[in-house]
Protein backbone atom coordinates (compact mmCIF):
# COMPACT_ATOMS: atom_id res chain seq x y z
CA MET A 1 0.00 0.00 0.00
CA LYS A 2 1.15 3.50 -0.82
CA LYS A 3 -0.31 6.66 0.73
CA ILE A 4 -0.38 9.71 -1.53
CA GLY A 5 -0.63 13.42 -0.81
CA LEU A 6 -1.93 15.28 -3.87
CA LEU A 7 -1.84 19.02 -4.51
CA SER A 8 -1.82 21.51 -7.35
CA ASP A 9 -1.65 25.18 -8.18
CA THR A 10 0.55 26.34 -5.34
CA HIS A 11 1.68 29.36 -7.40
CA SER A 12 4.80 29.83 -5.21
CA SER A 13 2.87 29.65 -1.92
CA LEU A 14 2.80 26.53 0.25
CA PRO A 15 0.74 26.51 3.44
CA GLU A 16 2.73 25.08 6.35
CA SER A 17 -0.30 22.93 7.22
CA VAL A 18 0.49 20.79 4.15
CA PHE A 19 3.32 19.21 6.13
CA LYS A 20 0.96 18.29 8.94
CA TYR A 21 -1.63 16.74 6.63
CA PHE A 22 0.99 14.94 4.56
CA ALA A 23 2.99 13.64 7.55
CA ASP A 24 1.83 10.05 7.01
CA VAL A 25 1.96 9.90 3.20
CA ASP A 26 4.62 7.95 1.33
CA GLU A 27 4.73 10.26 -1.70
CA ILE A 28 3.56 13.71 -2.73
CA TRP A 29 2.24 14.34 -6.23
CA HIS A 30 2.06 17.93 -7.54
CA ALA A 31 -0.18 18.54 -10.57
CA GLY A 32 1.54 21.70 -11.79
CA ASP A 33 1.70 25.46 -11.41
CA ILE A 34 4.41 24.96 -8.81
CA GLY A 35 5.70 28.51 -8.98
CA THR A 36 9.26 28.28 -7.68
CA LEU A 37 12.04 25.74 -7.52
CA GLY A 38 12.36 26.44 -3.79
CA LEU A 39 8.77 25.37 -3.17
CA ILE A 40 9.11 22.00 -4.90
CA GLU A 41 12.50 21.42 -3.26
CA LYS A 42 10.84 21.95 0.13
CA LEU A 43 8.33 19.21 -0.73
CA GLU A 44 11.08 16.93 -2.05
CA ASP A 45 13.09 17.39 1.15
CA PHE A 46 9.99 16.34 3.11
CA LYS A 47 8.79 13.32 1.08
CA PRO A 48 9.51 11.71 -2.30
CA THR A 49 7.72 13.95 -4.80
CA LYS A 50 6.48 13.51 -8.35
CA ALA A 51 5.50 16.64 -10.28
CA VAL A 52 4.60 18.08 -13.67
CA TYR A 53 5.00 21.65 -14.79
CA GLY A 54 2.08 23.99 -15.28
CA ASN A 55 1.40 26.95 -17.52
CA ILE A 56 2.85 29.51 -15.05
CA ASP A 57 6.03 27.55 -14.38
CA THR A 58 9.41 28.86 -15.52
CA LYS A 59 11.80 27.35 -18.07
CA GLU A 60 13.84 26.08 -15.13
CA LEU A 61 10.91 24.04 -13.79
CA ARG A 62 9.93 22.91 -17.30
CA PHE A 63 13.46 21.58 -17.77
CA ILE A 64 13.24 19.49 -14.58
CA TYR A 65 9.61 18.32 -14.71
CA PRO A 66 7.65 16.94 -17.69
CA GLU A 67 4.31 18.09 -19.06
CA ASN A 68 2.89 14.58 -18.59
CA LEU A 69 4.04 11.95 -16.15
CA ARG A 70 2.76 8.40 -16.56
CA PHE A 71 3.71 5.71 -14.09
CA ASP A 72 2.49 2.65 -12.23
CA CYS A 73 1.65 2.97 -8.55
CA GLU A 74 0.73 -0.24 -6.74
CA GLY A 75 -0.92 -1.67 -9.86
CA VAL A 76 -2.71 1.53 -10.96
CA ASP A 77 -1.70 3.19 -14.24
CA VAL A 78 -1.49 6.91 -13.35
CA LEU A 79 -1.38 9.88 -15.72
CA LEU A 80 -0.47 13.21 -14.11
CA THR A 81 -0.60 16.48 -16.05
CA HIS A 82 -1.53 20.10 -15.40
CA ILE A 83 -4.01 21.14 -18.09
CA GLY A 84 -6.37 18.31 -18.92
CA GLY A 85 -10.01 19.19 -18.40
CA TYR A 86 -12.59 16.86 -16.93
CA PRO A 87 -15.00 14.14 -18.13
CA GLY A 88 -16.84 15.29 -21.22
CA ARG A 89 -14.56 18.34 -21.57
CA TYR A 90 -10.97 17.15 -21.98
CA ASN A 91 -8.49 19.04 -24.11
CA GLN A 92 -7.34 17.48 -27.39
CA ARG A 93 -3.90 16.55 -26.06
CA VAL A 94 -5.21 14.27 -23.31
CA THR A 95 -8.17 13.02 -25.37
CA LYS A 96 -5.66 11.60 -27.85
CA ILE A 97 -3.86 9.79 -25.01
CA PHE A 98 -7.15 8.44 -23.65
CA ASP A 99 -8.29 7.23 -27.08
CA GLU A 100 -5.03 5.31 -27.54
CA ASN A 101 -4.47 4.03 -23.99
CA PRO A 102 -6.54 5.39 -21.09
CA PRO A 103 -4.98 5.32 -17.60
CA GLY A 104 -6.63 3.91 -14.49
CA LEU A 105 -6.25 7.25 -12.69
CA PHE A 106 -6.11 10.66 -14.35
CA ILE A 107 -4.95 13.65 -12.30
CA CYS A 108 -4.76 17.25 -13.44
CA GLY A 109 -4.88 20.73 -11.96
CA HIS A 110 -5.20 24.15 -13.62
CA SER A 111 -8.89 24.96 -13.07
CA HIS A 112 -8.54 25.49 -9.28
CA ILE A 113 -11.82 23.56 -9.05
CA LEU A 114 -11.80 20.46 -6.86
CA LYS A 115 -13.26 17.45 -8.71
CA VAL A 116 -13.25 13.74 -7.95
CA MET A 117 -15.36 11.77 -10.41
CA MET A 118 -15.48 8.65 -12.52
CA ASP A 119 -15.09 9.00 -16.24
CA LYS A 120 -17.62 6.51 -17.60
CA LYS A 121 -16.45 6.79 -21.21
CA TYR A 122 -12.82 5.90 -20.48
CA ASN A 123 -13.48 4.01 -17.23
CA PHE A 124 -11.02 5.75 -14.91
CA LEU A 125 -11.07 7.95 -11.83
CA HIS A 126 -10.48 11.64 -12.54
CA ILE A 127 -9.08 13.83 -9.76
CA ASN A 128 -8.38 17.55 -9.67
CA PRO A 129 -7.23 18.50 -6.16
CA GLY A 130 -8.28 22.13 -6.55
CA ALA A 131 -5.64 24.66 -5.54
CA CYS A 132 -3.63 25.18 -2.39
CA GLY A 133 -1.88 28.44 -3.18
CA ASN A 134 -2.97 32.03 -2.65
CA ILE A 135 -3.54 33.00 -6.29
CA GLY A 136 -6.62 32.10 -8.31
CA ILE A 137 -10.39 31.85 -8.32
CA HIS A 138 -10.71 29.32 -5.51
CA GLN A 139 -11.95 30.49 -2.13
CA VAL A 140 -10.67 27.54 -0.05
CA LYS A 141 -7.24 25.92 -0.35
CA THR A 142 -7.52 22.15 -0.79
CA VAL A 143 -5.35 19.04 -1.00
CA ILE A 144 -6.26 15.37 -1.25
CA ARG A 145 -4.98 12.30 0.54
CA PHE A 146 -5.62 8.74 -0.63
CA ALA A 147 -4.10 5.29 -0.70
CA ILE A 148 -3.45 2.87 -3.52
CA ASP A 149 -3.38 -0.79 -2.58
CA MET A 150 -3.19 -3.74 -4.98
CA GLY A 151 -4.74 -1.82 -7.86
CA LYS A 152 -7.43 -0.10 -5.81
CA ILE A 153 -7.77 3.56 -4.86
CA GLU A 154 -8.94 3.78 -1.25
CA ASP A 155 -9.51 6.15 1.66
CA LEU A 156 -9.74 9.28 -0.49
CA GLU A 157 -10.02 12.37 1.67
CA VAL A 158 -10.35 16.04 0.74
CA VAL A 159 -8.56 18.33 3.18
CA GLU A 160 -9.48 22.02 3.39
CA LEU A 161 -6.54 24.20 4.45
CA GLY A 162 -8.44 27.43 5.05
CA SER A 163 -9.41 30.37 2.93
CA ARG A 164 -7.26 31.64 0.08
CA VAL A 165 -6.92 35.13 1.45
């Protein structure tokens, strides 16, 4: 079993409470719009971290992190990206990937809108953790914790970190 802490859209601001809520996770996954190298290094110093770059990220971050990251986690095929959309409204880039070989778990950020829903067309779980930085349309900063065990996603929990401002 692997416990995951998922976040997105930090935009250079990381609430200290993230470290409390992610204390028991095995890995942190960041779905883009990191903001600064220092922020992601702070996460990496805390726990093993996987990340993708987002549309606001610098050339430096784009050199280190990919646009898409696809990997296996405890028997689940995971696709992590920043701009992806949501069921029924995916962008062309990810739709092409899904048509060829859909993942078991699709994670994206960008919209700052928390969504956890099944995609019935492609038969996978879609997660957008919302945003946990101080910039954007969201009113409440959010992260998600969950576990993956023998091909199953379990114990998914949305954590609210307080208001954006």
